[in-house]
Amino acid sequence: MNVELPLIVVVALIGYFGIRMLRPPTWLIVVLLLGGFLLADTFLAPAIESGTRTGVDVVNGTTK
């Protein structure tokens, strides 16, 4: 059974539970900044989203 979640939901959950349970380390700050870029309406957002999707495809071993 496959479950599909948007990347921003995963980033938001990591951020929420990380802040509730831990003192925010550097990696968590980077994850939250990535989420901000994904939500932002800037000229960099499409490039970041494309790069993230490509990275996920490489990790999962899927191709388009």
N, C-alpha and C. Protein backbone atom coordinates (compact mmCIF):
# COMPACT_ATOMS: atom_id res chain seq x y z
N MET A 1 0.84 -1.18 0.00
CA MET A 1 0.00 0.00 0.00
C MET A 1 0.89 1.24 0.00
N ASN A 2 0.66 2.12 -0.94
CA ASN A 2 1.42 3.35 -1.04
C ASN A 2 0.65 4.50 -0.42
N VAL A 3 1.35 5.33 0.31
CA VAL A 3 0.76 6.54 0.88
C VAL A 3 1.53 7.71 0.31
N GLU A 4 0.81 8.63 -0.31
CA GLU A 4 1.46 9.80 -0.90
C GLU A 4 1.15 11.03 -0.06
N LEU A 5 2.22 11.72 0.36
CA LEU A 5 2.08 12.95 1.11
C LEU A 5 2.86 14.04 0.39
N PRO A 6 2.31 15.24 0.35
CA PRO A 6 3.09 16.34 -0.21
C PRO A 6 4.33 16.60 0.67
N LEU A 7 5.41 17.01 0.04
CA LEU A 7 6.65 17.25 0.76
C LEU A 7 6.46 18.26 1.88
N ILE A 8 5.65 19.28 1.66
CA ILE A 8 5.48 20.31 2.67
C ILE A 8 4.82 19.75 3.93
N VAL A 9 3.97 18.74 3.80
CA VAL A 9 3.35 18.11 4.98
C VAL A 9 4.42 17.40 5.80
N VAL A 10 5.31 16.69 5.14
CA VAL A 10 6.40 16.00 5.83
C VAL A 10 7.30 17.01 6.53
N VAL A 11 7.65 18.10 5.84
CA VAL A 11 8.51 19.13 6.43
C VAL A 11 7.82 19.78 7.63
N ALA A 12 6.52 20.06 7.52
CA ALA A 12 5.79 20.67 8.62
C ALA A 12 5.72 19.74 9.83
N LEU A 13 5.50 18.46 9.61
CA LEU A 13 5.45 17.51 10.73
C LEU A 13 6.81 17.39 11.41
N ILE A 14 7.87 17.32 10.63
CA ILE A 14 9.22 17.27 11.22
C ILE A 14 9.48 18.53 12.05
N GLY A 15 9.11 19.67 11.52
CA GLY A 15 9.30 20.92 12.25
C GLY A 15 8.49 20.99 13.53
N TYR A 16 7.22 20.60 13.47
CA TYR A 16 6.35 20.66 14.64
C TYR A 16 6.87 19.76 15.76
N PHE A 17 7.12 18.49 15.43
CA PHE A 17 7.57 17.56 16.46
C PHE A 17 8.99 17.86 16.92
N GLY A 18 9.82 18.37 16.03
CA GLY A 18 11.17 18.74 16.42
C GLY A 18 11.19 19.88 17.43
N ILE A 19 10.36 20.87 17.22
CA ILE A 19 10.30 22.00 18.14
C ILE A 19 9.67 21.59 19.47
N ARG A 20 8.65 20.73 19.42
CA ARG A 20 7.98 20.29 20.65
C ARG A 20 8.88 19.40 21.51
N MET A 21 9.71 18.58 20.89
CA MET A 21 10.47 17.58 21.64
C MET A 21 11.93 17.94 21.87
N LEU A 22 12.48 18.78 21.04
CA LEU A 22 13.91 19.06 21.09
C LEU A 22 14.19 20.54 21.10
N ARG A 23 15.34 20.89 21.56
CA ARG A 23 15.85 22.24 21.32
C ARG A 23 16.30 22.24 19.86
N PRO A 24 15.81 23.17 19.05
CA PRO A 24 16.06 23.07 17.60
C PRO A 24 17.56 23.04 17.24
N PRO A 25 18.02 21.95 16.66
CA PRO A 25 19.40 21.89 16.16
C PRO A 25 19.49 22.51 14.77
N THR A 26 20.71 22.58 14.27
CA THR A 26 20.94 23.23 12.98
C THR A 26 20.21 22.53 11.85
N TRP A 27 20.18 21.18 11.83
CA TRP A 27 19.52 20.47 10.74
C TRP A 27 18.03 20.78 10.69
N LEU A 28 17.41 20.98 11.85
CA LEU A 28 15.99 21.29 11.88
C LEU A 28 15.73 22.69 11.31
N ILE A 29 16.62 23.61 11.61
CA ILE A 29 16.48 24.95 11.06
C ILE A 29 16.58 24.90 9.54
N VAL A 30 17.50 24.09 9.01
CA VAL A 30 17.65 23.95 7.55
C VAL A 30 16.37 23.37 6.94
N VAL A 31 15.78 22.36 7.60
CA VAL A 31 14.54 21.75 7.10
C VAL A 31 13.41 22.78 7.08
N LEU A 32 13.30 23.59 8.11
CA LEU A 32 12.25 24.61 8.16
C LEU A 32 12.48 25.69 7.10
N LEU A 33 13.73 26.06 6.87
CA LEU A 33 14.00 27.03 5.82
C LEU A 33 13.66 26.47 4.44
N LEU A 34 13.93 25.18 4.23
CA LEU A 34 13.54 24.55 2.97
C LEU A 34 12.02 24.60 2.79
N GLY A 35 11.29 24.34 3.85
CA GLY A 35 9.83 24.45 3.79
C GLY A 35 9.38 25.85 3.45
N GLY A 36 10.06 26.85 4.00
CA GLY A 36 9.74 28.23 3.68
C GLY A 36 9.97 28.56 2.22
N PHE A 37 11.06 28.03 1.68
CA PHE A 37 11.32 28.25 0.26
C PHE A 37 10.27 27.58 -0.61
N LEU A 38 9.83 26.39 -0.21
CA LEU A 38 8.82 25.70 -1.00
C LEU A 38 7.50 26.45 -1.00
N LEU A 39 7.21 27.15 0.07
CA LEU A 39 5.96 27.92 0.15
C LEU A 39 6.08 29.31 -0.47
N ALA A 40 7.29 29.78 -0.56
CA ALA A 40 7.50 31.16 -1.04
C ALA A 40 7.20 31.29 -2.52
N ASP A 41 6.79 32.47 -2.89
CA ASP A 41 6.51 32.75 -4.30
C ASP A 41 7.65 33.60 -4.85
N THR A 42 8.82 32.95 -4.96
CA THR A 42 9.99 33.65 -5.48
C THR A 42 10.44 32.98 -6.76
N PHE A 43 11.40 33.60 -7.44
CA PHE A 43 11.92 33.00 -8.67
C PHE A 43 12.76 31.76 -8.37
N LEU A 44 13.22 31.58 -7.13
CA LEU A 44 14.00 30.41 -6.76
C LEU A 44 13.14 29.20 -6.40
N ALA A 45 11.90 29.41 -6.03
CA ALA A 45 11.04 28.32 -5.57
C ALA A 45 10.88 27.19 -6.60
N PRO A 46 10.63 27.48 -7.88
CA PRO A 46 10.51 26.38 -8.83
C PRO A 46 11.80 25.56 -8.97
N ALA A 47 12.94 26.22 -8.91
CA ALA A 47 14.21 25.50 -9.02
C ALA A 47 14.45 24.62 -7.80
N ILE A 48 14.12 25.12 -6.61
CA ILE A 48 14.29 24.34 -5.39
C ILE A 48 13.34 23.15 -5.40
N GLU A 49 12.09 23.38 -5.80
CA GLU A 49 11.11 22.29 -5.85
C GLU A 49 11.53 21.23 -6.86
N SER A 50 12.00 21.66 -8.01
CA SER A 50 12.45 20.72 -9.03
C SER A 50 13.65 19.90 -8.54
N GLY A 51 14.59 20.57 -7.91
CA GLY A 51 15.75 19.87 -7.37
C GLY A 51 15.38 18.88 -6.27
N THR A 52 14.43 19.26 -5.43
CA THR A 52 13.97 18.37 -4.37
C THR A 52 13.27 17.15 -4.96
N ARG A 53 12.42 17.37 -5.95
CA ARG A 53 11.73 16.24 -6.59
C ARG A 53 12.73 15.30 -7.27
N THR A 54 13.73 15.87 -7.92
CA THR A 54 14.75 15.04 -8.56
C THR A 54 15.52 14.24 -7.52
N GLY A 55 15.85 14.87 -6.41
CA GLY A 55 16.54 14.17 -5.34
C GLY A 55 15.72 13.04 -4.76
N VAL A 56 14.43 13.27 -4.57
CA VAL A 56 13.54 12.22 -4.07
C VAL A 56 13.45 11.08 -5.08
N ASP A 57 13.35 11.40 -6.36
CA ASP A 57 13.31 10.38 -7.39
C ASP A 57 14.59 9.55 -7.41
N VAL A 58 15.73 10.20 -7.22
CA VAL A 58 17.00 9.48 -7.20
C VAL A 58 17.05 8.54 -6.00
N VAL A 59 16.64 9.03 -4.83
CA VAL A 59 16.65 8.20 -3.62
C VAL A 59 15.69 7.02 -3.77
N ASN A 60 14.52 7.28 -4.32
CA ASN A 60 13.52 6.21 -4.48
C ASN A 60 13.80 5.30 -5.66
N GLY A 61 14.67 5.69 -6.54
CA GLY A 61 14.99 4.88 -7.71
C GLY A 61 13.93 4.92 -8.78
N THR A 62 13.14 5.99 -8.82
CA THR A 62 12.10 6.13 -9.84
C THR A 62 12.56 7.13 -10.89
N THR A 63 12.03 6.97 -12.08
CA THR A 63 12.34 7.91 -13.16
C THR A 63 11.05 8.39 -13.79
N LYS A 64 11.11 9.55 -14.39
CA LYS A 64 9.93 10.10 -15.08
C LYS A 64 10.17 10.07 -16.57
